Amino acid sequence: MANNIDRAAEITQRNLETALANRVRIAEPAANDECIDCGYEIPAARRQAAPWATTCIECQGIRERQARRFRE
């Protein structure tokens, strides 16, 4: 029984560490000012509001619409 509890604790700890590492990565500013989808410059207002953004507003909208259609 103790082995199962130990394994569960290890898995929980690994999941927590992964989630925290991903959260830190999301909070970091994007490396460049160009949209990764279309290549155009991400507007300054978007970069200021969402420094981690890697897409422009238009491309992000397309991604969200596609994701919504996929979920339906």
N, C-alpha and C. Protein backbone atom coordinates (compact mmCIF):
# COMPACT_ATOMS: atom_id res chain seq x y z
N MET A 1 0.83 -1.19 0.00
CA MET A 1 0.00 0.00 0.00
C MET A 1 0.87 1.26 0.00
N ALA A 2 1.94 1.23 0.78
CA ALA A 2 2.81 2.41 0.87
C ALA A 2 3.45 2.71 -0.48
N ASN A 3 3.78 1.67 -1.26
CA ASN A 3 4.37 1.90 -2.57
C ASN A 3 3.42 2.67 -3.48
N ASN A 4 2.15 2.32 -3.46
CA ASN A 4 1.17 3.03 -4.28
C ASN A 4 1.05 4.49 -3.86
N ILE A 5 1.06 4.73 -2.58
CA ILE A 5 0.98 6.10 -2.07
C ILE A 5 2.23 6.89 -2.47
N ASP A 6 3.39 6.26 -2.36
CA ASP A 6 4.64 6.91 -2.77
C ASP A 6 4.62 7.24 -4.27
N ARG A 7 4.17 6.29 -5.08
CA ARG A 7 4.10 6.53 -6.52
C ARG A 7 3.14 7.65 -6.85
N ALA A 8 1.99 7.65 -6.18
CA ALA A 8 1.01 8.71 -6.42
C ALA A 8 1.58 10.07 -6.03
N ALA A 9 2.31 10.12 -4.94
CA ALA A 9 2.92 11.38 -4.51
C ALA A 9 3.96 11.85 -5.52
N GLU A 10 4.76 10.93 -6.06
CA GLU A 10 5.77 11.28 -7.05
C GLU A 10 5.12 11.81 -8.33
N ILE A 11 4.05 11.14 -8.77
CA ILE A 11 3.36 11.58 -9.98
C ILE A 11 2.75 12.96 -9.77
N THR A 12 2.14 13.16 -8.62
CA THR A 12 1.55 14.46 -8.31
C THR A 12 2.62 15.54 -8.30
N GLN A 13 3.76 15.26 -7.71
CA GLN A 13 4.85 16.23 -7.66
C GLN A 13 5.37 16.56 -9.05
N ARG A 14 5.53 15.54 -9.89
CA ARG A 14 5.98 15.77 -11.27
C ARG A 14 4.98 16.61 -12.04
N ASN A 15 3.68 16.31 -11.89
CA ASN A 15 2.65 17.08 -12.58
C ASN A 15 2.66 18.54 -12.12
N LEU A 16 2.84 18.76 -10.84
CA LEU A 16 2.90 20.11 -10.31
C LEU A 16 4.10 20.87 -10.86
N GLU A 17 5.25 20.22 -10.89
CA GLU A 17 6.46 20.86 -11.42
C GLU A 17 6.30 21.20 -12.90
N THR A 18 5.69 20.31 -13.66
CA THR A 18 5.46 20.56 -15.08
C THR A 18 4.51 21.73 -15.28
N ALA A 19 3.44 21.76 -14.50
CA ALA A 19 2.46 22.85 -14.61
C ALA A 19 3.11 24.19 -14.27
N LEU A 20 3.92 24.21 -13.23
CA LEU A 20 4.59 25.46 -12.85
C LEU A 20 5.59 25.89 -13.92
N ALA A 21 6.32 24.96 -14.48
CA ALA A 21 7.28 25.29 -15.54
C ALA A 21 6.55 25.85 -16.75
N ASN A 22 5.42 25.27 -17.11
CA ASN A 22 4.64 25.77 -18.24
C ASN A 22 4.10 27.16 -17.95
N ARG A 23 3.68 27.40 -16.74
CA ARG A 23 3.14 28.71 -16.36
C ARG A 23 4.21 29.79 -16.47
N VAL A 24 5.41 29.49 -16.06
CA VAL A 24 6.50 30.46 -16.15
C VAL A 24 6.79 30.76 -17.61
N ARG A 25 6.77 29.74 -18.45
CA ARG A 25 7.05 29.93 -19.87
C ARG A 25 5.99 30.80 -20.52
N ILE A 26 4.73 30.64 -20.14
CA ILE A 26 3.64 31.42 -20.71
C ILE A 26 3.78 32.90 -20.33
N ALA A 27 4.23 33.15 -19.11
CA ALA A 27 4.32 34.52 -18.61
C ALA A 27 5.47 35.31 -19.23
N GLU A 28 6.42 34.62 -19.84
CA GLU A 28 7.57 35.31 -20.43
C GLU A 28 7.17 36.02 -21.72
N PRO A 29 7.76 37.18 -21.98
CA PRO A 29 7.46 37.89 -23.23
C PRO A 29 7.91 37.06 -24.44
N ALA A 30 7.19 37.22 -25.54
CA ALA A 30 7.55 36.52 -26.78
C ALA A 30 8.91 37.00 -27.26
N ALA A 31 9.63 36.14 -27.93
CA ALA A 31 10.99 36.45 -28.35
C ALA A 31 11.05 37.46 -29.49
N ASN A 32 10.07 37.44 -30.38
CA ASN A 32 10.12 38.39 -31.49
C ASN A 32 8.79 39.11 -31.65
N ASP A 33 8.78 40.08 -32.54
CA ASP A 33 7.60 40.92 -32.72
C ASP A 33 6.77 40.52 -33.92
N GLU A 34 7.09 39.40 -34.56
CA GLU A 34 6.37 38.96 -35.74
C GLU A 34 5.41 37.83 -35.41
N CYS A 35 4.26 37.84 -36.05
CA CYS A 35 3.26 36.79 -35.90
C CYS A 35 3.84 35.49 -36.48
N ILE A 36 3.73 34.41 -35.74
CA ILE A 36 4.28 33.13 -36.22
C ILE A 36 3.43 32.53 -37.33
N ASP A 37 2.20 33.01 -37.51
CA ASP A 37 1.34 32.47 -38.56
C ASP A 37 1.47 33.24 -39.87
N CYS A 38 1.35 34.56 -39.82
CA CYS A 38 1.35 35.35 -41.06
C CYS A 38 2.67 36.09 -41.31
N GLY A 39 3.49 36.28 -40.29
CA GLY A 39 4.77 36.94 -40.47
C GLY A 39 4.74 38.45 -40.34
N TYR A 40 3.54 39.03 -40.24
CA TYR A 40 3.45 40.48 -40.06
C TYR A 40 3.77 40.86 -38.62
N GLU A 41 4.10 42.11 -38.42
CA GLU A 41 4.44 42.59 -37.08
C GLU A 41 3.21 42.57 -36.18
N ILE A 42 3.40 42.11 -34.93
CA ILE A 42 2.33 42.14 -33.94
C ILE A 42 2.22 43.58 -33.45
N PRO A 43 1.02 44.17 -33.51
CA PRO A 43 0.86 45.57 -33.09
C PRO A 43 1.34 45.81 -31.66
N ALA A 44 1.88 47.01 -31.44
CA ALA A 44 2.43 47.36 -30.13
C ALA A 44 1.39 47.23 -29.01
N ALA A 45 0.14 47.61 -29.31
CA ALA A 45 -0.90 47.52 -28.28
C ALA A 45 -1.12 46.07 -27.85
N ARG A 46 -1.07 45.13 -28.80
CA ARG A 46 -1.23 43.71 -28.44
C ARG A 46 -0.02 43.23 -27.65
N ARG A 47 1.17 43.63 -28.07
CA ARG A 47 2.37 43.21 -27.33
C ARG A 47 2.37 43.75 -25.91
N GLN A 48 1.82 44.95 -25.74
CA GLN A 48 1.77 45.53 -24.40
C GLN A 48 0.72 44.81 -23.55
N ALA A 49 -0.43 44.51 -24.14
CA ALA A 49 -1.51 43.85 -23.40
C ALA A 49 -1.20 42.38 -23.13
N ALA A 50 -0.54 41.72 -24.07
CA ALA A 50 -0.23 40.30 -23.94
C ALA A 50 1.20 40.07 -24.41
N PRO A 51 2.19 40.35 -23.56
CA PRO A 51 3.59 40.26 -23.98
C PRO A 51 4.02 38.87 -24.43
N TRP A 52 3.28 37.85 -24.04
CA TRP A 52 3.62 36.47 -24.41
C TRP A 52 3.03 36.09 -25.76
N ALA A 53 2.20 36.96 -26.37
CA ALA A 53 1.51 36.63 -27.62
C ALA A 53 2.52 36.38 -28.73
N THR A 54 2.25 35.33 -29.50
CA THR A 54 3.10 34.99 -30.64
C THR A 54 2.36 35.15 -31.96
N THR A 55 1.08 35.55 -31.87
CA THR A 55 0.28 35.77 -33.08
C THR A 55 -0.39 37.13 -33.01
N CYS A 56 -0.71 37.67 -34.20
CA CYS A 56 -1.45 38.92 -34.24
C CYS A 56 -2.92 38.63 -33.90
N ILE A 57 -3.69 39.68 -33.73
CA ILE A 57 -5.10 39.53 -33.35
C ILE A 57 -5.86 38.70 -34.39
N GLU A 58 -5.65 39.00 -35.67
CA GLU A 58 -6.39 38.31 -36.72
C GLU A 58 -6.08 36.81 -36.72
N CYS A 59 -4.81 36.46 -36.65
CA CYS A 59 -4.43 35.04 -36.66
C CYS A 59 -4.90 34.33 -35.39
N GLN A 60 -4.86 35.02 -34.26
CA GLN A 60 -5.34 34.41 -33.03
C GLN A 60 -6.84 34.14 -33.14
N GLY A 61 -7.58 35.07 -33.75
CA GLY A 61 -9.01 34.87 -33.96
C GLY A 61 -9.28 33.64 -34.82
N ILE A 62 -8.49 33.47 -35.86
CA ILE A 62 -8.64 32.30 -36.73
C ILE A 62 -8.37 31.03 -35.93
N ARG A 63 -7.33 31.02 -35.13
CA ARG A 63 -7.02 29.84 -34.31
C ARG A 63 -8.16 29.51 -33.35
N GLU A 64 -8.72 30.53 -32.74
CA GLU A 64 -9.80 30.30 -31.78
C GLU A 64 -11.06 29.79 -32.46
N ARG A 65 -11.38 30.32 -33.64
CA ARG A 65 -12.55 29.83 -34.38
C ARG A 65 -12.35 28.37 -34.80
N GLN A 66 -11.14 28.03 -35.25
CA GLN A 66 -10.85 26.65 -35.63
C GLN A 66 -10.95 25.72 -34.43
N ALA A 67 -10.44 26.16 -33.29
CA ALA A 67 -10.50 25.33 -32.08
C ALA A 67 -11.96 25.14 -31.66
N ARG A 68 -12.76 26.19 -31.76
CA ARG A 68 -14.17 26.09 -31.39
C ARG A 68 -14.90 25.10 -32.30
N ARG A 69 -14.63 25.16 -33.61
CA ARG A 69 -15.25 24.23 -34.54
C ARG A 69 -14.81 22.80 -34.26
N PHE A 70 -13.55 22.63 -33.88
CA PHE A 70 -13.03 21.30 -33.59
C PHE A 70 -13.72 20.69 -32.37
N ARG A 71 -14.02 21.53 -31.36
CA ARG A 71 -14.66 21.04 -30.14
C ARG A 71 -16.12 20.67 -30.36
N GLU A 72 -16.75 21.28 -31.36
CA GLU A 72 -18.19 21.04 -31.58
C GLU A 72 -18.46 19.73 -32.23
